[in-house]
Amino acid sequence: MRNSVTSITRPGLLAALLLALGSAASPLHGQQRPLRLAIEGGWYRPSMDYWNERSTFAGIDRFDGSGLFGAAVVAQVAGPLAVRVSAGYWRAAVHDSTLSLPIEITRREAEVTLVPVGAALLVRPASLRLAGLRPYAGAGASLVFVRKQVTHVPVFPDEPPARERDSGRDFLATVEAGVEAELGPRQGLTLALRYAFGGYDESVGEDGAPLATERVSLAGSQVVLGFWWSPFR
């Protein structure tokens, strides 16, 4: 089963989200809250070039993106500068069925899970307004924890599944631009467009063959909608 992100990346949908944010926003008061807590949800479409182009799943199924979820704390540090510390979760899978002789049918699934933990520096000018929205920009870095699991499920004959697991970590860099709208004295919404740079090393080897290392690109775009709440007015 393939995922599709064509509808979420269309400019018309982004324009509608911006319009909805602007119409929902109450007048901005111009003050920067020293601390905000946020939850986020969106879509992340990493390249996953090894899996989509060179793995045994290539041409059969592909990683086309999946939901990205997370939480963050944003602290105002000086003037328009703020620091965001965040953690996220992303998971996607590809599938394949193979037939071998003597008659044996096996279904395979490769699942990749990413857990990025990082920080970003944001520039949020208090005096800048755009149709009731406050634009901002930023850049950051994350340590991303990677978990891979390949499951072989014999369909005929019926046997217990076999699982191959591997894990590691690497670094991602991100740049972003977005807008935020206040819904009240202590809460609001953000809409961000982010782009990630980086990847991780994948150990590759089957049927007793020596392990090789493939670089898997995680470069790709993210569309993230967030809700924040501040304990300070």
Protein backbone atom coordinates (compact mmCIF):
# COMPACT_ATOMS: atom_id res chain seq x y z
CA MET A 1 0.00 0.00 0.00
CA ARG A 2 1.51 3.29 -1.03
CA ASN A 3 1.16 6.58 0.72
CA SER A 4 0.33 9.75 -1.19
CA VAL A 5 1.16 13.34 -0.33
CA THR A 6 0.04 15.01 -3.52
CA SER A 7 -3.00 16.61 -1.91
CA ILE A 8 -1.20 17.98 1.13
CA THR A 9 1.53 19.71 -0.84
CA ARG A 10 -0.72 21.63 -3.20
CA PRO A 11 -0.42 25.42 -2.93
CA GLY A 12 -4.19 25.74 -2.74
CA LEU A 13 -4.37 23.76 0.47
CA LEU A 14 -1.57 25.78 2.06
CA ALA A 15 -3.30 29.00 1.07
CA ALA A 16 -6.51 27.75 2.66
CA LEU A 17 -4.67 26.94 5.89
CA LEU A 18 -3.11 30.41 5.95
CA LEU A 19 -6.51 32.00 5.40
CA ALA A 20 -8.03 29.93 8.19
CA LEU A 21 -5.25 30.94 10.58
CA GLY A 22 -5.67 34.58 9.72
CA SER A 23 -9.45 34.54 10.18
CA ALA A 24 -9.20 32.68 13.50
CA ALA A 25 -6.53 34.92 15.00
CA SER A 26 -7.45 37.46 17.62
CA PRO A 27 -5.59 40.79 17.51
CA LEU A 28 -1.94 40.23 18.39
CA HIS A 29 -0.76 42.10 21.44
CA GLY A 30 2.88 42.51 20.38
CA GLN A 31 4.39 40.97 23.48
CA GLN A 32 6.56 37.86 23.34
CA ARG A 33 5.67 35.19 25.86
CA PRO A 34 8.75 33.89 27.71
CA LEU A 35 7.67 30.24 27.53
CA ARG A 36 5.32 28.21 25.36
CA LEU A 37 4.40 24.53 25.25
CA ALA A 38 3.36 23.05 21.90
CA ILE A 39 2.10 19.89 20.25
CA GLU A 40 2.57 19.40 16.52
CA GLY A 41 1.29 17.23 13.70
CA GLY A 42 1.99 17.19 10.00
CA TRP A 43 3.52 15.34 7.06
CA TYR A 44 7.14 14.45 6.36
CA ARG A 45 8.34 13.08 3.03
CA PRO A 46 12.00 12.08 3.29
CA SER A 47 13.86 10.95 0.17
CA MET A 48 14.62 7.40 1.42
CA ASP A 49 16.60 6.99 -1.81
CA TYR A 50 18.20 3.65 -0.96
CA TRP A 51 14.86 2.03 -0.15
CA ASN A 52 13.06 3.54 -3.14
CA GLU A 53 15.80 3.11 -5.76
CA ARG A 54 18.32 0.39 -4.81
CA SER A 55 16.79 -1.98 -2.26
CA THR A 56 14.94 -5.22 -3.04
CA PHE A 57 11.71 -3.27 -2.51
CA ALA A 58 12.54 -0.82 -5.33
CA GLY A 59 9.98 -0.87 -8.12
CA ILE A 60 7.49 -2.77 -5.94
CA ASP A 61 6.63 -0.35 -3.14
CA ARG A 62 8.11 2.91 -1.94
CA PHE A 63 8.30 5.28 1.00
CA ASP A 64 6.19 8.27 -0.08
CA GLY A 65 5.82 10.04 3.26
CA SER A 66 3.89 9.64 6.49
CA GLY A 67 2.55 11.53 9.48
CA LEU A 68 4.98 13.43 11.72
CA PHE A 69 4.02 14.09 15.34
CA GLY A 70 5.84 15.85 18.16
CA ALA A 71 5.99 18.15 21.14
CA ALA A 72 8.10 21.23 21.83
CA VAL A 73 9.03 23.89 24.36
CA VAL A 74 9.74 27.39 23.03
CA ALA A 75 11.61 29.90 25.21
CA GLN A 76 12.11 33.56 24.33
CA VAL A 77 15.77 34.43 24.93
CA ALA A 78 16.42 37.98 23.69
CA GLY A 79 14.41 40.39 21.55
CA PRO A 80 12.99 38.50 18.57
CA LEU A 81 15.13 35.38 19.22
CA ALA A 82 13.63 32.20 20.64
CA VAL A 83 14.92 28.68 21.21
CA ARG A 84 12.75 25.63 20.54
CA VAL A 85 13.56 22.21 22.02
CA SER A 86 11.52 19.43 20.45
CA ALA A 87 11.04 15.70 19.96
CA GLY A 88 9.16 13.97 17.16
CA TYR A 89 7.99 10.61 15.85
CA TRP A 90 7.72 9.34 12.25
CA ARG A 91 7.03 5.82 10.99
CA ALA A 92 6.42 4.30 7.57
CA ALA A 93 6.59 0.87 5.93
CA VAL A 94 6.83 -0.81 2.52
CA HIS A 95 5.58 -4.29 1.54
CA ASP A 96 6.44 -7.06 -0.90
CA SER A 97 5.41 -10.65 -1.65
CA THR A 98 7.83 -13.24 -3.07
CA LEU A 99 7.38 -16.71 -4.59
CA SER A 100 10.22 -19.24 -4.50
CA LEU A 101 10.64 -22.93 -5.39
CA PRO A 102 9.69 -25.37 -4.03
CA ILE A 103 6.38 -23.61 -3.58
CA GLU A 104 6.84 -21.01 -0.88
CA ILE A 105 5.08 -17.66 -0.60
CA THR A 106 6.50 -15.04 1.72
CA ARG A 107 5.23 -11.57 2.52
CA ARG A 108 7.86 -9.01 3.56
CA GLU A 109 7.51 -5.70 5.33
CA ALA A 110 10.25 -3.14 5.97
CA GLU A 111 9.41 -0.61 8.66
CA VAL A 112 11.51 2.47 9.46
CA THR A 113 10.92 4.61 12.55
CA LEU A 114 12.55 8.00 13.15
CA VAL A 115 12.65 9.81 16.49
CA PRO A 116 14.34 13.24 16.12
CA VAL A 117 15.33 15.15 19.26
CA GLY A 118 16.78 18.59 18.72
CA ALA A 119 16.81 22.35 19.07
CA ALA A 120 16.24 25.29 16.74
CA LEU A 121 16.86 29.03 16.84
CA LEU A 122 13.83 31.05 15.74
CA VAL A 123 13.55 34.69 14.70
CA ARG A 124 10.07 36.06 15.57
CA PRO A 125 9.90 39.85 15.10
CA ALA A 126 7.16 41.19 17.37
CA SER A 127 6.45 44.20 15.16
CA LEU A 128 6.07 42.30 11.88
CA ARG A 129 2.51 41.45 10.83
CA LEU A 130 1.08 39.88 7.69
CA ALA A 131 -2.73 39.78 7.39
CA GLY A 132 -3.09 39.26 11.13
CA LEU A 133 -0.33 36.64 11.22
CA ARG A 134 3.19 36.87 12.61
CA PRO A 135 5.80 35.34 10.29
CA TYR A 136 8.96 33.73 11.60
CA ALA A 137 11.98 31.80 10.34
CA GLY A 138 14.52 29.50 11.90
CA ALA A 139 17.16 26.81 11.62
CA GLY A 140 18.10 23.89 13.83
CA ALA A 141 19.71 20.49 14.25
CA SER A 142 18.47 17.16 15.58
CA LEU A 143 19.88 13.87 16.73
CA VAL A 144 17.65 11.33 14.99
CA PHE A 145 17.27 7.81 16.36
CA VAL A 146 16.59 5.29 13.57
CA ARG A 147 15.00 1.87 14.00
CA LYS A 148 14.55 -0.59 11.13
CA GLN A 149 12.65 -3.86 11.17
CA VAL A 150 12.25 -6.25 8.24
CA THR A 151 9.61 -8.93 8.82
CA HIS A 152 9.34 -12.11 6.72
CA VAL A 153 5.89 -13.68 7.08
CA PRO A 154 5.54 -17.12 5.43
CA VAL A 155 2.09 -17.37 3.86
CA PHE A 156 2.53 -20.92 2.54
CA PRO A 157 3.54 -23.02 4.33
CA ASP A 158 2.27 -21.35 7.50
CA GLU A 159 5.28 -20.74 9.76
CA PRO A 160 6.22 -18.19 12.45
CA PRO A 161 7.44 -14.84 11.07
CA ALA A 162 11.14 -14.00 11.11
CA ARG A 163 12.28 -10.48 12.04
CA GLU A 164 15.51 -8.61 11.37
CA ARG A 165 16.09 -5.54 13.52
CA ASP A 166 18.68 -2.81 13.37
CA SER A 167 19.03 0.63 14.96
CA GLY A 168 21.34 3.62 14.92
CA ARG A 169 21.48 7.38 15.11
CA ASP A 170 22.63 10.30 13.00
CA PHE A 171 22.12 14.04 12.60
CA LEU A 172 19.64 16.17 10.70
CA ALA A 173 19.70 19.90 9.96
CA THR A 174 16.51 21.83 9.27
CA VAL A 175 15.50 25.25 7.97
CA GLU A 176 11.97 26.58 8.23
CA ALA A 177 9.60 29.45 7.66
CA GLY A 178 6.16 29.81 9.13
CA VAL A 179 3.40 31.96 10.58
CA GLU A 180 1.66 32.00 13.94
CA ALA A 181 -1.71 33.28 15.08
CA GLU A 182 -2.99 33.97 18.58
CA LEU A 183 -6.36 32.45 19.41
CA GLY A 184 -6.49 33.99 22.88
CA PRO A 185 -4.28 35.49 25.57
CA ARG A 186 -2.45 32.19 26.19
CA GLN A 187 -2.89 29.99 23.12
CA GLY A 188 -2.40 30.00 19.39
CA LEU A 189 -1.59 28.09 16.20
CA THR A 190 1.50 27.81 14.04
CA LEU A 191 1.92 26.63 10.46
CA ALA A 192 5.46 25.82 9.34
CA LEU A 193 7.17 24.68 6.17
CA ARG A 194 10.42 22.90 6.98
CA TYR A 195 13.12 21.19 4.97
CA ALA A 196 15.44 18.59 6.46
CA PHE A 197 18.99 17.76 5.36
CA GLY A 198 20.89 14.63 6.33
CA GLY A 199 20.59 10.86 6.41
CA TYR A 200 21.71 7.68 8.12
CA ASP A 201 23.81 4.59 7.34
CA GLU A 202 21.95 1.37 6.55
CA SER A 203 23.64 -2.03 6.96
CA VAL A 204 22.73 -4.21 3.96
CA GLY A 205 23.29 -7.95 3.55
CA GLU A 206 21.14 -11.00 2.81
CA ASP A 207 21.57 -14.79 2.82
CA GLY A 208 24.91 -14.75 4.59
CA ALA A 209 26.46 -12.16 2.26
CA PRO A 210 28.96 -9.71 3.83
CA LEU A 211 27.37 -6.58 5.23
CA ALA A 212 27.67 -3.40 3.19
CA THR A 213 26.76 0.15 4.14
CA GLU A 214 24.31 2.26 2.19
CA ARG A 215 23.66 5.93 2.91
CA VAL A 216 19.93 6.64 3.17
CA SER A 217 18.93 10.25 2.55
CA LEU A 218 16.38 11.79 4.90
CA ALA A 219 16.29 15.06 2.97
CA GLY A 220 12.74 16.18 2.39
CA SER A 221 9.96 18.64 3.12
CA GLN A 222 7.73 18.84 6.19
CA VAL A 223 4.40 20.62 6.60
CA VAL A 224 3.62 21.04 10.30
CA LEU A 225 0.60 22.50 12.11
CA GLY A 226 1.03 23.19 15.82
CA PHE A 227 -1.05 24.28 18.80
CA TRP A 228 0.73 26.15 21.61
CA TRP A 229 -0.17 27.22 25.12
CA SER A 230 1.67 29.61 27.41
CA PRO A 231 1.46 29.77 31.23
CA PHE A 232 2.12 33.52 30.92
CA ARG A 233 -0.23 36.17 29.61
